[in-house]
C-alpha atoms as a PDB file:
ATOM      1  CA  MET A   1      36.918  19.188 -69.096  1.00  0.00           C
ATOM      2  CA  GLN A   2      40.004  19.193 -71.291  1.00  0.00           C
ATOM      3  CA  LYS A   3      38.215  16.888 -73.604  1.00  0.00           C
ATOM      4  CA  ASP A   4      35.279  19.309 -73.819  1.00  0.00           C
ATOM      5  CA  LEU A   5      37.636  22.158 -74.880  1.00  0.00           C
ATOM      6  CA  LYS A   6      39.447  19.782 -77.502  1.00  0.00           C
ATOM      7  CA  SER A   7      35.836  18.991 -78.905  1.00  0.00           C
ATOM      8  CA  ILE A   8      34.569  22.665 -78.854  1.00  0.00           C
ATOM      9  CA  TYR A   9      37.731  23.754 -80.714  1.00  0.00           C
ATOM     10  CA  LEU A  10      37.676  20.899 -83.099  1.00  0.00           C
ATOM     11  CA  ASN A  11      33.970  21.475 -83.824  1.00  0.00           C
ATOM     12  CA  ASN A  12      34.596  25.135 -84.481  1.00  0.00           C
ATOM     13  CA  ILE A  13      37.253  24.242 -87.093  1.00  0.00           C
ATOM     14  CA  LEU A  14      34.951  21.786 -88.711  1.00  0.00           C
ATOM     15  CA  CYS A  15      32.002  24.240 -88.667  1.00  0.00           C
ATOM     16  CA  ASN A  16      33.903  27.001 -90.219  1.00  0.00           C
ATOM     17  CA  MET A  17      35.016  24.227 -93.037  1.00  0.00           C
ATOM     18  CA  PHE A  18      31.529  23.529 -93.736  1.00  0.00           C
ATOM     19  CA  THR A  19      30.274  27.063 -93.952  1.00  0.00           C
ATOM     20  CA  GLY A  20      32.267  27.932 -96.983  1.00  0.00           C
ATOM     21  CA  ASN A  21      33.961  30.796 -95.521  1.00  0.00           C
ATOM     22  CA  LEU A  22      37.533  29.165 -95.582  1.00  0.00           C
ATOM     23  CA  LYS A  23      40.071  28.029 -97.917  1.00  0.00           C
ATOM     24  CA  ILE A  24      41.715  24.544 -97.873  1.00  0.00           C
ATOM     25  CA  LYS A  25      44.858  26.010 -96.662  1.00  0.00           C
ATOM     26  CA  ASP A  26      43.005  28.041 -93.890  1.00  0.00           C
ATOM     27  CA  VAL A  27      41.634  24.517 -92.648  1.00  0.00           C
ATOM     28  CA  LYS A  28      45.113  22.922 -93.086  1.00  0.00           C
ATOM     29  CA  SER A  29      46.544  25.564 -90.789  1.00  0.00           C
ATOM     30  CA  GLU A  30      43.978  25.449 -88.215  1.00  0.00           C
ATOM     31  CA  ILE A  31      44.401  21.674 -87.968  1.00  0.00           C
ATOM     32  CA  ALA A  32      48.177  22.123 -87.873  1.00  0.00           C
ATOM     33  CA  GLN A  33      47.879  24.509 -84.915  1.00  0.00           C
ATOM     34  CA  LEU A  34      45.443  22.041 -83.078  1.00  0.00           C
ATOM     35  CA  VAL A  35      47.745  19.201 -83.322  1.00  0.00           C
ATOM     36  CA  LYS A  36      50.834  21.127 -82.207  1.00  0.00           C
ATOM     37  CA  SER A  37      48.885  22.295 -79.154  1.00  0.00           C
ATOM     38  CA  TYR A  38      47.787  18.970 -78.562  1.00  0.00           C
ATOM     39  CA  ARG A  39      51.422  17.890 -78.745  1.00  0.00           C
ATOM     40  CA  LYS A  40      52.824  20.683 -76.746  1.00  0.00           C
ATOM     41  CA  GLN A  41      50.164  20.260 -74.120  1.00  0.00           C
ATOM     42  CA  GLN A  42      51.242  16.569 -73.330  1.00  0.00           C
ATOM     43  CA  LYS A  43      54.921  17.889 -73.469  1.00  0.00           C
ATOM     44  CA  LEU A  44      55.843  15.936 -76.150  1.00  0.00           C
ATOM     45  CA  SER A  45      58.658  16.508 -79.005  1.00  0.00           C
ATOM     46  CA  GLN A  46      57.692  15.700 -82.687  1.00  0.00           C
ATOM     47  CA  GLN A  47      59.843  12.757 -82.480  1.00  0.00           C
ATOM     48  CA  GLU A  48      58.374  11.328 -79.472  1.00  0.00           C
ATOM     49  CA  LEU A  49      54.885  11.630 -80.701  1.00  0.00           C
ATOM     50  CA  ALA A  50      56.034   9.961 -83.954  1.00  0.00           C
ATOM     51  CA  ASP A  51      57.502   7.000 -82.024  1.00  0.00           C
ATOM     52  CA  GLN A  52      54.325   6.378 -80.120  1.00  0.00           C
ATOM     53  CA  LEU A  53      52.195   6.627 -83.385  1.00  0.00           C
ATOM     54  CA  GLU A  54      54.911   4.689 -85.419  1.00  0.00           C
ATOM     55  CA  LEU A  55      55.211   7.364 -87.806  1.00  0.00           C
ATOM     56  CA  SER A  56      58.324   9.530 -88.991  1.00  0.00           C
ATOM     57  CA  ARG A  57      59.153  12.803 -87.204  1.00  0.00           C
ATOM     58  CA  ILE A  58      58.719  14.267 -90.798  1.00  0.00           C
ATOM     59  CA  THR A  59      55.418  13.033 -91.016  1.00  0.00           C
ATOM     60  CA  ILE A  60      54.634  14.821 -87.897  1.00  0.00           C
ATOM     61  CA  GLN A  61      56.368  18.005 -88.793  1.00  0.00           C
ATOM     62  CA  ASN A  62      54.170  18.071 -92.082  1.00  0.00           C
ATOM     63  CA  LEU A  63      51.020  17.686 -90.253  1.00  0.00           C
ATOM     64  CA  GLU A  64      52.088  20.635 -87.919  1.00  0.00           C
ATOM     65  CA  SER A  65      52.996  22.654 -91.204  1.00  0.00           C
ATOM     66  CA  GLY A  66      49.817  21.779 -92.875  1.00  0.00           C
ATOM     67  CA  LYS A  67      51.661  20.128 -95.669  1.00  0.00           C
ATOM     68  CA  ASN A  68      51.022  16.989 -97.409  1.00  0.00           C
ATOM     69  CA  PHE A  69      49.541  14.836 -94.501  1.00  0.00           C
ATOM     70  CA  THR A  70      46.948  11.933 -95.303  1.00  0.00           C
ATOM     71  CA  ILE A  71      43.391  11.529 -93.451  1.00  0.00           C
ATOM     72  CA  ASP A  72      44.981   8.344 -92.007  1.00  0.00           C
ATOM     73  CA  THR A  73      47.863  10.195 -90.285  1.00  0.00           C
ATOM     74  CA  LEU A  74      45.384  12.947 -89.189  1.00  0.00           C
ATOM     75  CA  LEU A  75      42.877  10.385 -87.648  1.00  0.00           C
ATOM     76  CA  LYS A  76      45.766   8.641 -85.957  1.00  0.00           C
ATOM     77  CA  VAL A  77      46.947  11.585 -84.270  1.00  0.00           C
ATOM     78  CA  PHE A  78      43.386  12.638 -83.216  1.00  0.00           C
ATOM     79  CA  ASN A  79      42.994   9.253 -81.866  1.00  0.00           C
ATOM     80  CA  HIS A  80      45.918   9.471 -79.778  1.00  0.00           C
ATOM     81  CA  PHE A  81      44.840  12.850 -78.289  1.00  0.00           C
ATOM     82  CA  ASP A  82      41.220  11.658 -77.609  1.00  0.00           C
ATOM     83  CA  ALA A  83      39.768  13.562 -80.342  1.00  0.00           C
ATOM     84  CA  LEU A  84      38.779  11.131 -82.689  1.00  0.00           C
ATOM     85  CA  VAL A  85      35.199  10.514 -80.945  1.00  0.00           C
ATOM     86  CA  GLY A  86      34.572  14.262 -81.255  1.00  0.00           C
ATOM     87  CA  PHE A  87      35.479  14.198 -84.807  1.00  0.00           C
ATOM     88  CA  ASN A  88      33.453  11.226 -85.706  1.00  0.00           C
ATOM     89  CA  GLN A  89      30.766  12.774 -83.697  1.00  0.00           C
ATOM     90  CA  PHE A  90      30.622  16.001 -85.592  1.00  0.00           C
ATOM     91  CA  LEU A  91      30.813  13.929 -89.018  1.00  0.00           C
ATOM     92  CA  MET A  92      27.827  12.041 -88.142  1.00  0.00           C
ATOM     93  CA  ASP A  93      25.873  15.102 -86.931  1.00  0.00           C
ATOM     94  CA  LYS A  94      26.504  16.692 -90.385  1.00  0.00           C
ATOM     95  CA  ARG A  95      25.371  13.695 -92.139  1.00  0.00           C
ATOM     96  CA  ASN A  96      22.461  13.546 -90.133  1.00  0.00           C
ATOM     97  CA  GLU A  97      21.574  17.212 -90.892  1.00  0.00           C
ATOM     98  CA  THR A  98      22.165  16.574 -94.656  1.00  0.00           C
ATOM     99  CA  GLU A  99      19.826  13.448 -94.483  1.00  0.00           C
ATOM    100  CA  GLN A 100      16.904  15.464 -92.936  1.00  0.00           C
ATOM    101  CA  LEU A 101      17.199  18.528 -95.082  1.00  0.00           C
ATOM    102  CA  THR A 102      17.103  15.931 -98.255  1.00  0.00           C
ATOM    103  CA  SER A 103      14.071  14.099 -96.843  1.00  0.00           C
ATOM    104  CA  LEU A 104      12.257  17.426 -96.417  1.00  0.00           C
ATOM    105  CA  TYR A 105      11.938  17.573-100.277  1.00  0.00           C
END
């Protein structure tokens, strides 16, 4: 059940991102809140999460603040919290939708 809620939340963020209604900073803020909630749900400090992922605490702090994080860091965190599969599925679904629309023309 928890994985389903994570997938739904992540899907909502990404859907909004693809509709063009959001600014990049809004998406970064949503990602930051999502990561922070994942971490708190597992009762981890930023340092504990950083240690588990072999990252610095500052890297986790930046991610949770929506500042200067890389896609590699984000994917590593998503993988840790079992959200990577849902994220990848969303991307594949979007790519398939785009390819189907393109093939109609």
